[in-house]
Each structure stands twice: as structure tokens, then as C-alpha cells.
Amino acid sequence: VAPAMNAVVAGEVNVIFMPPIVAMPLVEAGKLRALAFTGAARFPRMPQLPTMAEAGVPNFELAGVWHGWFAPAKTPPAIVARLQSEVRKALQVPKVRDFILVGGYEPDGRSPEAFRQLVKAEFERYAEMVQIANIPKE
């Protein structure tokens, strides 16, 4: 993000997508102008900032900004369940939750199956974008 961010601040590039935690100090310093938030709902730390849909780009949501925990495919279900339980507990700790929220993310602690479905849907979505854009395989 840093080289592209520097290019925007220098006026060499007109627009960039960046995580709120990176953009906010630059916006607050008057070095960048925030145009819209790519989530489905407004970013709580910048409630005046419209979503992309509100800014005139309908059906736009960048759901691809997420973090998750992965384990080897053959991890026993009991271990997976315990890991997920502990992650959900950690997400309830105020300092952890606040850190994640400040970064522009929403901690949700979804089930392993729900996360599996999210990852699958994201792979399919990006594969479709690559195909539509006719990006060659390397």
C-alpha cells in the first residue's frame, strides 16, 4: 500500500482503495480526501463518509477485505471447534474488538462452515472478475 499511497499523496495517481486504518491519518491531516467506504454499511469511525452505493456506484461492496484462521485440511473437528470457540471469546475482549473495528473490519467469529462458504464465494467472485477482465493466467 505504501508506494501507491505515496503516489496518491504526491498527485501522481488520482484514486486508491486502502484500509481505513491506513487512510484515516492522511484524511485527518488533509493529505487525502476520502470519497466512499467500500463496505455494505458506513464505517462507524467516519459516519459522514458515504458507502460506494450511496456515492453513486450501485451494487458495489468490497467484501473481499477479511481475515480468517485456517488449519490443515485434516485437523480433527474437535480441534477446529475449540479453535473457533477461543477465537469467538477473543473477539469479545474489548481491546481486541476495538483494535479490529478501528481497522475498518467487523469481527464476527462465524462458524467454520460459514467461513468456508465465504472463502468459496470470494474465490468464485474473483475468478469471474479475472475472466471478465480477460486477465491471462501466469
N, C-alpha and C. Protein backbone atom coordinates (compact mmCIF):
# COMPACT_ATOMS: atom_id res chain seq x y z
N VAL A 1 0.82 -1.19 0.00
CA VAL A 1 0.00 0.00 0.00
C VAL A 1 0.87 1.26 0.00
N ALA A 2 2.00 1.23 0.68
CA ALA A 2 2.80 2.45 0.86
C ALA A 2 3.21 3.13 -0.45
N PRO A 3 3.79 2.42 -1.46
CA PRO A 3 4.16 3.13 -2.69
C PRO A 3 2.95 3.75 -3.39
N ALA A 4 1.85 3.02 -3.46
CA ALA A 4 0.66 3.58 -4.11
C ALA A 4 0.10 4.74 -3.31
N MET A 5 0.11 4.63 -1.99
CA MET A 5 -0.38 5.70 -1.13
C MET A 5 0.47 6.95 -1.34
N ASN A 6 1.78 6.79 -1.41
CA ASN A 6 2.67 7.93 -1.65
C ASN A 6 2.39 8.56 -3.00
N ALA A 7 2.07 7.74 -3.99
CA ALA A 7 1.77 8.26 -5.33
C ALA A 7 0.49 9.10 -5.31
N VAL A 8 -0.49 8.70 -4.52
CA VAL A 8 -1.72 9.49 -4.41
C VAL A 8 -1.44 10.80 -3.70
N VAL A 9 -0.73 10.75 -2.59
CA VAL A 9 -0.41 11.96 -1.83
C VAL A 9 0.39 12.93 -2.69
N ALA A 10 1.27 12.40 -3.54
CA ALA A 10 2.10 13.23 -4.42
C ALA A 10 1.34 13.73 -5.64
N GLY A 11 0.12 13.24 -5.85
CA GLY A 11 -0.66 13.67 -7.00
C GLY A 11 -0.33 12.93 -8.28
N GLU A 12 0.42 11.84 -8.19
CA GLU A 12 0.78 11.05 -9.37
C GLU A 12 -0.33 10.08 -9.75
N VAL A 13 -1.17 9.72 -8.81
CA VAL A 13 -2.29 8.80 -9.01
C VAL A 13 -3.53 9.49 -8.45
N ASN A 14 -4.66 9.34 -9.13
CA ASN A 14 -5.87 10.06 -8.73
C ASN A 14 -6.68 9.40 -7.64
N VAL A 15 -6.66 8.09 -7.56
CA VAL A 15 -7.52 7.40 -6.61
C VAL A 15 -6.88 6.08 -6.18
N ILE A 16 -7.20 5.65 -4.97
CA ILE A 16 -6.68 4.39 -4.46
C ILE A 16 -7.69 3.82 -3.47
N PHE A 17 -7.74 2.50 -3.38
CA PHE A 17 -8.50 1.82 -2.34
C PHE A 17 -7.50 1.46 -1.25
N MET A 18 -7.79 1.85 -0.02
CA MET A 18 -6.89 1.49 1.07
C MET A 18 -7.69 1.25 2.34
N PRO A 19 -7.13 0.45 3.25
CA PRO A 19 -7.82 0.18 4.51
C PRO A 19 -8.02 1.46 5.31
N PRO A 20 -9.14 1.58 6.00
CA PRO A 20 -9.39 2.79 6.79
C PRO A 20 -8.28 3.12 7.78
N ILE A 21 -7.70 2.10 8.40
CA ILE A 21 -6.67 2.38 9.40
C ILE A 21 -5.45 3.07 8.78
N VAL A 22 -5.22 2.84 7.50
CA VAL A 22 -4.12 3.50 6.79
C VAL A 22 -4.55 4.87 6.30
N ALA A 23 -5.77 4.97 5.80
CA ALA A 23 -6.25 6.22 5.20
C ALA A 23 -6.59 7.29 6.23
N MET A 24 -7.14 6.90 7.37
CA MET A 24 -7.65 7.88 8.32
C MET A 24 -6.64 8.95 8.75
N PRO A 25 -5.41 8.59 9.10
CA PRO A 25 -4.47 9.65 9.49
C PRO A 25 -4.20 10.64 8.35
N LEU A 26 -4.17 10.14 7.12
CA LEU A 26 -3.93 11.02 5.98
C LEU A 26 -5.13 11.90 5.69
N VAL A 27 -6.33 11.37 5.87
CA VAL A 27 -7.55 12.16 5.69
C VAL A 27 -7.60 13.24 6.78
N GLU A 28 -7.35 12.84 8.02
CA GLU A 28 -7.38 13.78 9.14
C GLU A 28 -6.32 14.87 9.00
N ALA A 29 -5.19 14.56 8.35
CA ALA A 29 -4.13 15.54 8.14
C ALA A 29 -4.38 16.40 6.90
N GLY A 30 -5.45 16.11 6.18
CA GLY A 30 -5.76 16.89 4.98
C GLY A 30 -4.94 16.52 3.76
N LYS A 31 -4.27 15.37 3.80
CA LYS A 31 -3.44 14.93 2.67
C LYS A 31 -4.21 14.10 1.67
N LEU A 32 -5.31 13.49 2.12
CA LEU A 32 -6.18 12.71 1.24
C LEU A 32 -7.62 13.13 1.49
N ARG A 33 -8.43 12.94 0.48
CA ARG A 33 -9.87 13.16 0.61
C ARG A 33 -10.56 11.81 0.46
N ALA A 34 -11.27 11.40 1.49
CA ALA A 34 -12.00 10.13 1.43
C ALA A 34 -13.24 10.33 0.56
N LEU A 35 -13.45 9.43 -0.38
CA LEU A 35 -14.59 9.55 -1.28
C LEU A 35 -15.75 8.65 -0.87
N ALA A 36 -15.44 7.42 -0.46
CA ALA A 36 -16.51 6.48 -0.09
C ALA A 36 -15.90 5.29 0.63
N PHE A 37 -16.76 4.61 1.37
CA PHE A 37 -16.38 3.39 2.07
C PHE A 37 -16.90 2.21 1.27
N THR A 38 -16.10 1.16 1.13
CA THR A 38 -16.46 0.04 0.26
C THR A 38 -17.30 -1.04 0.94
N GLY A 39 -17.61 -0.88 2.20
CA GLY A 39 -18.43 -1.86 2.90
C GLY A 39 -19.91 -1.67 2.60
N ALA A 40 -20.71 -2.60 3.11
CA ALA A 40 -22.16 -2.55 2.90
C ALA A 40 -22.80 -1.42 3.72
N ALA A 41 -22.18 -1.07 4.84
CA ALA A 41 -22.70 -0.01 5.70
C ALA A 41 -21.59 1.01 5.94
N ARG A 42 -21.95 2.18 6.38
CA ARG A 42 -20.96 3.22 6.65
C ARG A 42 -19.97 2.78 7.73
N PHE A 43 -18.76 3.28 7.62
CA PHE A 43 -17.71 3.00 8.58
C PHE A 43 -17.98 3.81 9.85
N PRO A 44 -18.16 3.15 11.00
CA PRO A 44 -18.53 3.87 12.22
C PRO A 44 -17.56 4.98 12.64
N ARG A 45 -16.28 4.85 12.32
CA ARG A 45 -15.32 5.89 12.71
C ARG A 45 -15.37 7.10 11.79
N MET A 46 -16.05 6.96 10.64
CA MET A 46 -16.21 8.08 9.70
C MET A 46 -17.66 8.08 9.20
N PRO A 47 -18.61 8.33 10.08
CA PRO A 47 -20.02 8.20 9.69
C PRO A 47 -20.48 9.16 8.60
N GLN A 48 -19.75 10.24 8.39
CA GLN A 48 -20.10 11.18 7.33
C GLN A 48 -19.73 10.67 5.94
N LEU A 49 -18.88 9.65 5.88
CA LEU A 49 -18.41 9.10 4.61
C LEU A 49 -19.46 8.16 4.03
N PRO A 50 -19.93 8.42 2.82
CA PRO A 50 -20.95 7.53 2.23
C PRO A 50 -20.35 6.19 1.81
N THR A 51 -21.21 5.20 1.66
CA THR A 51 -20.78 3.94 1.08
C THR A 51 -20.64 4.16 -0.42
N MET A 52 -20.05 3.22 -1.12
CA MET A 52 -19.93 3.33 -2.57
C MET A 52 -21.32 3.42 -3.21
N ALA A 53 -22.26 2.61 -2.71
CA ALA A 53 -23.61 2.64 -3.26
C ALA A 53 -24.24 4.02 -3.05
N GLU A 54 -24.06 4.59 -1.87
CA GLU A 54 -24.60 5.92 -1.59
C GLU A 54 -23.93 6.99 -2.44
N ALA A 55 -22.67 6.75 -2.82
CA ALA A 55 -21.92 7.71 -3.63
C ALA A 55 -22.21 7.57 -5.12
N GLY A 56 -23.09 6.64 -5.48
CA GLY A 56 -23.50 6.53 -6.88
C GLY A 56 -22.98 5.32 -7.62
N VAL A 57 -22.37 4.39 -6.92
CA VAL A 57 -21.90 3.16 -7.56
C VAL A 57 -22.75 2.02 -7.01
N PRO A 58 -23.89 1.75 -7.66
CA PRO A 58 -24.81 0.74 -7.13
C PRO A 58 -24.21 -0.66 -7.14
N ASN A 59 -24.67 -1.47 -6.21
CA ASN A 59 -24.26 -2.87 -6.10
C ASN A 59 -22.76 -3.06 -5.88
N PHE A 60 -22.12 -2.06 -5.30
CA PHE A 60 -20.69 -2.17 -5.03
C PHE A 60 -20.48 -2.44 -3.56
N GLU A 61 -19.83 -3.54 -3.28
CA GLU A 61 -19.42 -3.84 -1.92
C GLU A 61 -18.16 -4.66 -2.00
N LEU A 62 -17.11 -4.18 -1.40
CA LEU A 62 -15.85 -4.91 -1.39
C LEU A 62 -15.84 -5.78 -0.15
N ALA A 63 -16.40 -6.97 -0.30
CA ALA A 63 -16.46 -7.89 0.83
C ALA A 63 -15.16 -8.69 0.93
N GLY A 64 -14.24 -8.45 0.02
CA GLY A 64 -13.02 -9.23 -0.01
C GLY A 64 -11.98 -8.83 1.02
N VAL A 65 -12.29 -7.86 1.86
CA VAL A 65 -11.34 -7.46 2.88
C VAL A 65 -11.73 -8.16 4.17
N TRP A 66 -11.10 -9.29 4.42
CA TRP A 66 -11.41 -10.07 5.61
C TRP A 66 -10.16 -10.83 6.03
N HIS A 67 -10.19 -11.26 7.25
CA HIS A 67 -9.11 -12.08 7.79
C HIS A 67 -9.74 -13.33 8.36
N GLY A 68 -9.02 -14.41 8.32
CA GLY A 68 -9.57 -15.64 8.86
C GLY A 68 -8.47 -16.56 9.34
N TRP A 69 -8.88 -17.52 10.10
CA TRP A 69 -7.97 -18.54 10.62
C TRP A 69 -8.13 -19.79 9.76
N PHE A 70 -7.01 -20.40 9.40
CA PHE A 70 -7.02 -21.62 8.61
C PHE A 70 -6.23 -22.69 9.36
N ALA A 71 -6.62 -23.92 9.16
CA ALA A 71 -5.91 -25.06 9.75
C ALA A 71 -5.72 -26.10 8.65
N PRO A 72 -4.78 -27.02 8.83
CA PRO A 72 -4.62 -28.08 7.82
C PRO A 72 -5.94 -28.82 7.60
N ALA A 73 -6.16 -29.27 6.37
CA ALA A 73 -7.43 -29.90 5.98
C ALA A 73 -7.84 -31.06 6.87
N LYS A 74 -6.89 -31.79 7.38
CA LYS A 74 -7.23 -32.98 8.18
C LYS A 74 -7.22 -32.73 9.69
N THR A 75 -7.34 -31.46 10.08
CA THR A 75 -7.40 -31.15 11.51
C THR A 75 -8.67 -31.76 12.08
N PRO A 76 -8.59 -32.48 13.19
CA PRO A 76 -9.78 -33.10 13.77
C PRO A 76 -10.86 -32.06 14.10
N PRO A 77 -12.12 -32.39 13.84
CA PRO A 77 -13.23 -31.45 14.10
C PRO A 77 -13.25 -30.89 15.52
N ALA A 78 -12.86 -31.69 16.50
CA ALA A 78 -12.85 -31.20 17.88
C ALA A 78 -11.83 -30.07 18.06
N ILE A 79 -10.71 -30.17 17.38
CA ILE A 79 -9.68 -29.12 17.46
C ILE A 79 -10.19 -27.86 16.76
N VAL A 80 -10.81 -28.03 15.60
CA VAL A 80 -11.36 -26.89 14.86
C VAL A 80 -12.41 -26.18 15.73
N ALA A 81 -13.28 -26.96 16.35
CA ALA A 81 -14.33 -26.38 17.20
C ALA A 81 -13.71 -25.61 18.37
N ARG A 82 -12.67 -26.15 18.97
CA ARG A 82 -12.03 -25.48 20.09
C ARG A 82 -11.37 -24.18 19.64
N LEU A 83 -10.68 -24.22 18.50
CA LEU A 83 -10.05 -23.01 17.98
C LEU A 83 -11.09 -21.93 17.71
N GLN A 84 -12.19 -22.33 17.08
CA GLN A 84 -13.24 -21.37 16.76
C GLN A 84 -13.85 -20.79 18.03
N SER A 85 -14.04 -21.62 19.03
CA SER A 85 -14.59 -21.16 20.30
C SER A 85 -13.66 -20.14 20.96
N GLU A 86 -12.38 -20.41 20.93
CA GLU A 86 -11.42 -19.49 21.54
C GLU A 86 -11.32 -18.18 20.76
N VAL A 87 -11.40 -18.25 19.45
CA VAL A 87 -11.37 -17.03 18.63
C VAL A 87 -12.60 -16.18 18.95
N ARG A 88 -13.77 -16.82 19.04
CA ARG A 88 -15.01 -16.08 19.38
C ARG A 88 -14.87 -15.40 20.74
N LYS A 89 -14.26 -16.08 21.70
CA LYS A 89 -14.04 -15.48 23.02
C LYS A 89 -13.11 -14.27 22.91
N ALA A 90 -12.04 -14.43 22.15
CA ALA A 90 -11.08 -13.33 21.98
C ALA A 90 -11.75 -12.12 21.34
N LEU A 91 -12.67 -12.35 20.41
CA LEU A 91 -13.35 -11.25 19.73
C LEU A 91 -14.27 -10.47 20.66
N GLN A 92 -14.55 -11.01 21.82
CA GLN A 92 -15.38 -10.31 22.80
C GLN A 92 -14.56 -9.46 23.77
N VAL A 93 -13.24 -9.62 23.76
CA VAL A 93 -12.36 -8.82 24.61
C VAL A 93 -12.35 -7.39 24.05
N PRO A 94 -12.73 -6.40 24.85
CA PRO A 94 -12.86 -5.03 24.33
C PRO A 94 -11.64 -4.51 23.57
N LYS A 95 -10.43 -4.74 24.07
CA LYS A 95 -9.25 -4.24 23.37
C LYS A 95 -9.07 -4.91 22.01
N VAL A 96 -9.34 -6.19 21.94
CA VAL A 96 -9.24 -6.91 20.66
C VAL A 96 -10.31 -6.41 19.71
N ARG A 97 -11.55 -6.36 20.18
CA ARG A 97 -12.67 -5.91 19.36
C ARG A 97 -12.44 -4.48 18.85
N ASP A 98 -12.01 -3.58 19.73
CA ASP A 98 -11.77 -2.19 19.33
C ASP A 98 -10.66 -2.09 18.30
N PHE A 99 -9.60 -2.88 18.48
CA PHE A 99 -8.49 -2.88 17.52
C PHE A 99 -8.99 -3.27 16.13
N ILE A 100 -9.81 -4.28 16.07
CA ILE A 100 -10.34 -4.76 14.79
C ILE A 100 -11.27 -3.72 14.18
N LEU A 101 -12.15 -3.14 14.98
CA LEU A 101 -13.09 -2.12 14.49
C LEU A 101 -12.37 -0.89 13.97
N VAL A 102 -11.33 -0.46 14.66
CA VAL A 102 -10.57 0.71 14.23
C VAL A 102 -9.94 0.47 12.86
N GLY A 103 -9.59 -0.77 12.59
CA GLY A 103 -9.00 -1.11 11.30
C GLY A 103 -9.99 -1.13 10.15
N GLY A 104 -11.26 -0.96 10.46
CA GLY A 104 -12.27 -0.96 9.40
C GLY A 104 -12.90 -2.31 9.16
N TYR A 105 -12.68 -3.23 10.08
CA TYR A 105 -13.21 -4.58 9.94
C TYR A 105 -14.30 -4.81 10.97
N GLU A 106 -15.13 -5.80 10.72
CA GLU A 106 -16.19 -6.15 11.66
C GLU A 106 -15.91 -7.55 12.18
N PRO A 107 -15.56 -7.68 13.46
CA PRO A 107 -15.31 -9.02 13.99
C PRO A 107 -16.61 -9.81 14.09
N ASP A 108 -16.65 -10.99 13.49
CA ASP A 108 -17.92 -11.72 13.55
C ASP A 108 -17.79 -13.14 14.07
N GLY A 109 -16.61 -13.74 14.03
CA GLY A 109 -16.42 -15.07 14.62
C GLY A 109 -17.35 -16.13 14.06
N ARG A 110 -17.64 -16.05 12.79
CA ARG A 110 -18.57 -17.01 12.18
C ARG A 110 -18.08 -18.45 12.30
N SER A 111 -18.97 -19.37 12.09
CA SER A 111 -18.64 -20.80 12.20
C SER A 111 -17.67 -21.21 11.09
N PRO A 112 -16.94 -22.31 11.30
CA PRO A 112 -16.04 -22.78 10.25
C PRO A 112 -16.78 -23.02 8.92
N GLU A 113 -17.98 -23.57 8.98
CA GLU A 113 -18.73 -23.81 7.74
C GLU A 113 -19.11 -22.50 7.06
N ALA A 114 -19.56 -21.52 7.82
CA ALA A 114 -19.91 -20.23 7.25
C ALA A 114 -18.68 -19.55 6.65
N PHE A 115 -17.54 -19.67 7.32
CA PHE A 115 -16.31 -19.10 6.78
C PHE A 115 -15.89 -19.82 5.51
N ARG A 116 -16.03 -21.14 5.50
CA ARG A 116 -15.72 -21.93 4.30
C ARG A 116 -16.56 -21.43 3.12
N GLN A 117 -17.83 -21.15 3.37
CA GLN A 117 -18.72 -20.66 2.30
C GLN A 117 -18.30 -19.27 1.83
N LEU A 118 -17.87 -18.41 2.77
CA LEU A 118 -17.38 -17.08 2.39
C LEU A 118 -16.16 -17.20 1.48
N VAL A 119 -15.20 -18.02 1.88
CA VAL A 119 -13.98 -18.18 1.08
C VAL A 119 -14.33 -18.71 -0.32
N LYS A 120 -15.20 -19.70 -0.37
CA LYS A 120 -15.62 -20.26 -1.66
C LYS A 120 -16.27 -19.19 -2.55
N ALA A 121 -17.17 -18.42 -1.95
CA ALA A 121 -17.85 -17.36 -2.71
C ALA A 121 -16.86 -16.30 -3.20
N GLU A 122 -15.89 -15.96 -2.35
CA GLU A 122 -14.89 -14.97 -2.75
C GLU A 122 -14.03 -15.48 -3.90
N PHE A 123 -13.60 -16.74 -3.84
CA PHE A 123 -12.82 -17.31 -4.93
C PHE A 123 -13.61 -17.28 -6.23
N GLU A 124 -14.88 -17.63 -6.15
CA GLU A 124 -15.74 -17.62 -7.35
C GLU A 124 -15.91 -16.20 -7.89
N ARG A 125 -16.10 -15.25 -6.99
CA ARG A 125 -16.30 -13.85 -7.41
C ARG A 125 -15.06 -13.32 -8.12
N TYR A 126 -13.89 -13.57 -7.52
CA TYR A 126 -12.67 -13.07 -8.15
C TYR A 126 -12.33 -13.82 -9.43
N ALA A 127 -12.63 -15.09 -9.49
CA ALA A 127 -12.41 -15.85 -10.73
C ALA A 127 -13.26 -15.26 -11.85
N GLU A 128 -14.50 -14.88 -11.52
CA GLU A 128 -15.37 -14.27 -12.52
C GLU A 128 -14.81 -12.92 -12.99
N MET A 129 -14.29 -12.13 -12.05
CA MET A 129 -13.70 -10.84 -12.41
C MET A 129 -12.51 -11.02 -13.33
N VAL A 130 -11.67 -12.01 -13.02
CA VAL A 130 -10.50 -12.28 -13.84
C VAL A 130 -10.93 -12.68 -15.25
N GLN A 131 -11.97 -13.51 -15.33
CA GLN A 131 -12.47 -13.94 -16.64
C GLN A 131 -13.06 -12.77 -17.41
N ILE A 132 -13.88 -11.95 -16.78
CA ILE A 132 -14.49 -10.80 -17.44
C ILE A 132 -13.43 -9.82 -17.92
N ALA A 133 -12.39 -9.61 -17.11
CA ALA A 133 -11.32 -8.68 -17.46
C ALA A 133 -10.33 -9.30 -18.43
N ASN A 134 -10.51 -10.58 -18.73
CA ASN A 134 -9.63 -11.31 -19.65
C ASN A 134 -8.17 -11.24 -19.21
N ILE A 135 -7.96 -11.46 -17.93
CA ILE A 135 -6.60 -11.44 -17.38
C ILE A 135 -5.97 -12.80 -17.63
N PRO A 136 -4.83 -12.85 -18.29
CA PRO A 136 -4.21 -14.14 -18.61
C PRO A 136 -3.66 -14.82 -17.36
N LYS A 137 -3.70 -16.15 -17.37
CA LYS A 137 -3.11 -16.93 -16.29
C LYS A 137 -1.61 -16.87 -16.42
N GLU A 138 -0.94 -16.80 -15.29
CA GLU A 138 0.54 -16.78 -15.32
C GLU A 138 1.09 -17.99 -14.63
